[in-house]
Amino acid sequence: AIAGRDNSALAIKPAEGTAEGGASGTAVVAAMPQNGTQLFEQTCNVCHGQGIGGAPKAGDKAAWAARIAEGKAMLYEHALKGFQGKAGVMPPKGGRLDAPDDLVKQAVDHMVQMAQ
């Protein structure tokens, strides 16, 4: 701001399509999914749908076989805490850090079912 001048042009205004009076500068987060399938569709599918960044593609039995053989406890740990593998990186909770642990586990269960 410049002292003694009209500084209204410097004011931060809400982005087009946002409500006046809302919290400015906050990130818009998608509504929390109701189950693991929805979490998969909203979040996990971004990488696991196409195999981006070395992610095993959803439904690819060969890519998932060794991972499934390690057991669900290991899959849950990698999904919840993240994992650095030879093929790529799994961010904690797929980057959806606000997702409850149980919901992330449901999404893992969904992907395992798709690969069996």
Foldseek 3Di string as FASTA:
>chain_A
DDPPDPCPVVDDDDDPPDDPPDDPPDDDDDPADPALVVLCVVAVCVCQCVVPFNHPHQLALVSCVVVVVVDLVVVLCCQQPKDQDPRGTQHHVSPPNVHDSRRSSRNSVVSVVSND
